Protein backbone atom coordinates (compact mmCIF):
# COMPACT_ATOMS: atom_id res chain seq x y z
CA MET A 1 52.53 40.16 -19.59
CA THR A 2 49.59 37.57 -19.37
CA ASN A 3 49.57 34.63 -21.55
CA HIS A 4 46.14 34.37 -23.26
CA LYS A 5 46.75 31.34 -25.21
CA GLY A 6 47.56 29.33 -21.88
CA ILE A 7 44.35 30.82 -20.11
CA LYS A 8 42.12 29.79 -22.95
CA GLY A 9 43.83 26.39 -23.03
CA MET A 10 43.04 25.95 -19.51
CA ILE A 11 39.31 27.04 -19.70
CA ILE A 12 38.75 24.50 -22.73
CA ILE A 13 40.57 21.73 -20.68
CA CYS A 14 38.38 22.59 -17.68
CA ALA A 15 35.28 22.92 -19.78
CA LEU A 16 35.79 19.58 -21.58
CA THR A 17 36.45 17.79 -18.32
CA ILE A 18 33.33 18.95 -16.91
CA PHE A 19 31.54 18.03 -19.88
CA ILE A 20 32.82 14.38 -19.90
CA PHE A 21 32.28 13.88 -16.13
CA TYR A 22 28.67 15.13 -16.64
CA THR A 23 27.98 12.89 -19.46
CA ALA A 24 29.59 9.76 -18.48
CA ASP A 25 27.16 8.96 -16.06
CA ALA A 26 24.12 9.98 -18.31
CA GLN A 27 23.16 6.46 -19.32
CA ARG A 28 19.53 5.80 -18.87
CA ARG A 29 18.91 3.30 -15.91
CA ARG A 30 15.75 1.32 -15.88
CA PRO A 31 14.12 1.51 -12.40
CA ILE A 32 13.02 -1.75 -10.50
CA THR A 33 9.60 0.01 -10.06
CA ILE A 34 8.25 2.93 -11.96
CA ASN A 35 7.85 5.18 -8.75
CA THR A 36 10.29 4.00 -6.08
CA GLY A 37 10.04 7.08 -3.65
CA SER A 38 8.51 6.93 -0.22
CA GLY A 39 5.58 9.30 0.12
CA TYR A 40 1.76 9.86 0.19
CA VAL A 41 -0.48 7.05 -1.24
CA THR A 42 -4.30 6.68 -1.49
CA ILE A 43 -6.36 3.61 -2.30
CA ASN A 44 -9.78 3.83 -3.45
CA GLU A 45 -11.55 0.44 -3.60
CA MET A 46 -14.85 -1.29 -4.24
CA THR A 47 -15.22 -4.11 -1.86
CA GLY A 48 -17.82 -6.70 -1.28
CA GLY A 49 -18.44 -9.75 0.85
CA TYR A 50 -20.44 -13.00 1.04
CA GLY A 51 -21.31 -14.30 4.51
CA LEU A 52 -19.38 -17.82 5.45
CA ALA A 53 -21.41 -18.97 8.46
CA GLY A 54 -24.43 -18.05 10.54
CA THR A 55 -26.09 -15.75 8.00
CA SER A 56 -29.27 -15.76 9.73
CA SER A 57 -28.73 -12.59 11.89
CA ASP A 58 -28.45 -9.10 10.78
CA TYR A 59 -25.47 -7.85 8.91
CA ALA A 60 -24.21 -11.43 7.96
CA ASP A 61 -25.30 -12.60 4.51
CA TYR A 62 -23.61 -10.26 2.20
CA PHE A 63 -22.26 -6.56 1.83
CA TYR A 64 -20.68 -4.31 -0.93
CA GLY A 65 -19.60 -0.83 -0.61
CA PHE A 66 -16.78 1.88 -1.24
CA THR A 67 -13.77 2.55 0.95
CA THR A 68 -10.91 5.31 0.56
CA THR A 69 -7.57 5.22 2.45
CA HIS A 70 -5.03 7.81 2.92
CA GLY A 71 -1.40 7.40 4.22
CA TYR A 72 2.22 7.03 3.84
CA GLN A 73 4.28 4.50 1.97
CA TRP A 74 7.82 3.63 3.09
CA ASN A 75 10.22 1.73 0.60
CA MET A 76 12.74 -0.71 2.17
CA ARG A 77 15.39 -2.30 0.06
CA GLY A 78 17.26 -5.29 1.88
CA LEU A 79 18.45 -8.60 0.84
CA GLY A 80 18.09 -7.66 -2.96
CA VAL A 81 14.31 -7.28 -2.43
CA ASN A 82 12.55 -4.10 -3.42
CA GLN A 83 9.56 -3.78 -1.01
CA SER A 84 7.33 -1.29 0.60
CA MET A 85 5.07 -0.88 3.46
CA SER A 86 2.24 1.55 3.73
CA GLY A 87 0.11 2.70 6.78
CA ALA A 88 -3.06 4.53 6.24
CA MET A 89 -6.20 5.61 7.71
CA GLY A 90 -9.40 4.84 5.92
CA ALA A 91 -13.29 5.35 6.02
CA GLY A 92 -16.32 4.48 3.65
CA ILE A 93 -19.76 2.91 3.38
CA LEU A 94 -20.68 -0.74 3.36
CA ILE A 95 -24.29 -1.62 2.46
CA TYR A 96 -25.52 -4.93 3.97
CA GLU A 97 -28.69 -6.65 3.51
CA SER A 98 -29.87 -5.16 6.80
CA GLY A 99 -28.66 -1.61 6.32
CA LYS A 100 -25.67 0.36 6.07
CA LEU A 101 -22.40 0.66 8.27
CA PHE A 102 -19.67 3.17 7.98
CA PRO A 103 -16.25 1.85 8.64
CA LEU A 104 -13.38 3.89 10.15
CA PHE A 105 -10.24 1.73 9.99
CA GLY A 106 -6.52 1.52 10.13
CA ASP A 107 -4.81 -0.11 6.92
CA LEU A 108 -1.37 -1.81 6.64
CA ARG A 109 0.11 -3.32 3.36
CA PHE A 110 3.36 -5.09 2.50
CA THR A 111 4.20 -4.99 -1.16
CA ILE A 112 7.10 -6.77 -3.05
CA ASN A 113 7.59 -4.16 -5.95
CA ARG A 114 8.09 -5.51 -9.50
CA THR A 115 8.07 -3.60 -12.82
CA LYS A 116 4.34 -4.35 -13.97
CA VAL A 117 2.67 -6.72 -11.50
CA SER A 118 3.34 -6.69 -7.77
CA PRO A 119 2.03 -8.97 -4.94
CA TYR A 120 0.86 -7.35 -1.68
CA PHE A 121 -0.48 -8.52 1.78
CA MET A 122 -2.73 -6.39 3.64
CA ALA A 123 -4.40 -6.10 7.26
CA ARG A 124 -7.29 -3.69 8.31
CA GLY A 125 -8.83 -3.32 11.54
CA GLY A 126 -11.53 -0.91 12.90
CA ILE A 127 -14.87 0.02 13.75
CA LEU A 128 -18.06 -0.29 11.76
CA ILE A 129 -20.52 2.39 12.90
CA SER A 130 -24.33 2.20 12.64
CA SER A 131 -26.06 5.40 12.12
CA GLU A 132 -29.50 3.85 12.85
CA ASN A 133 -28.70 2.28 16.45
CA PHE A 134 -25.03 3.11 17.60
CA ASP A 135 -25.27 1.22 20.71
CA LYS A 136 -26.55 -2.05 19.48
CA LEU A 137 -25.38 -2.20 15.82
CA THR A 138 -21.94 -0.82 15.76
CA GLN A 139 -19.03 -3.57 15.60
CA LEU A 140 -15.54 -4.12 15.41
CA PHE A 141 -13.86 -5.72 12.43
CA ILE A 142 -10.56 -7.15 11.24
CA ASN A 143 -9.73 -7.82 7.52
CA ALA A 144 -6.91 -9.79 6.20
CA GLY A 145 -6.06 -10.46 2.66
CA GLY A 146 -3.56 -10.22 -0.23
CA GLY A 147 -3.72 -9.45 -3.98
CA ILE A 148 -1.84 -8.02 -6.75
CA ASN A 149 -1.05 -4.23 -8.04
CA ILE A 150 -0.94 -3.81 -11.96
CA LYS A 151 0.88 -0.58 -12.85
CA ILE A 152 -1.01 1.23 -15.51
CA ALA A 153 1.08 4.45 -15.30
CA GLY A 154 3.69 6.14 -13.57
CA SER A 155 1.92 6.48 -10.29
CA LEU A 156 -1.31 4.67 -10.72
CA ALA A 157 -2.08 1.14 -10.32
CA VAL A 158 -5.12 -1.24 -10.31
CA ASN A 159 -5.27 -3.61 -7.40
CA LEU A 160 -7.54 -6.68 -6.91
CA GLY A 161 -7.39 -9.22 -4.27
CA PRO A 162 -9.38 -11.48 -1.95
CA GLY A 163 -9.46 -11.45 1.80
CA LEU A 164 -11.29 -12.66 4.97
CA LEU A 165 -13.42 -10.27 7.31
CA VAL A 166 -14.62 -10.99 10.76
CA GLN A 167 -16.84 -8.57 12.47
CA ALA A 168 -18.13 -8.73 15.93
CA GLY A 169 -20.45 -6.68 18.13
CA GLY A 170 -24.16 -6.65 19.22
CA GLY A 171 -23.97 -10.09 20.78
CA SER A 172 -23.04 -11.80 17.38
CA ARG A 173 -19.87 -12.40 15.23
CA GLU A 174 -20.02 -13.07 11.37
CA SER A 175 -17.30 -13.98 8.75
CA PHE A 176 -16.97 -12.91 5.13
CA ALA A 177 -15.10 -13.96 2.03
CA THR A 178 -14.25 -10.56 0.55
CA MET A 179 -12.78 -9.23 -2.79
CA HIS A 180 -11.37 -5.84 -3.20
CA ALA A 181 -10.91 -3.97 -6.44
CA GLY A 182 -9.72 -0.33 -6.93
CA LEU A 183 -7.14 2.21 -7.81
CA TRP A 184 -3.80 2.84 -5.87
CA PHE A 185 -2.37 6.26 -6.49
CA LYS A 186 1.08 7.50 -5.29
CA PRO A 187 2.02 10.86 -6.62
């Protein structure tokens, strides 16, 4: 004959044990950053630059434009610091006093993640393509800088930062003080 009271008691004890273990670790924890996982990232920026020296040649006085980059962000947690590195490819349009150039570039960024405002360092390098005269006006460039990301939503941040851009090609070399402002989206 089966002891129904004993089986019911065991089921109740098992259910209570499962409930206790399930809820014991249910305290809400505040993450270091709002979106801490590695994954796809896109950065869309308005950018501008002011020529620093030798601004008498073409494409040397000033520029403004738009760039977009798409890539992957890796999160690294070491030595008690929550940081991330992103690698991306980008394109855009830059309008100079002498015409338009179309950048194709690689973008690397290192970020020290904070809850609301996070500093970052960036390096870009690539080619500035001229549609008017590909052979003589196309140039190579490097752009280094830094800035801050200000989180405005779970996966969206505004970024703002200065930099230094050097471009060379067609027998000349120009340098610019630059400013970037845009949106950083990581779903």
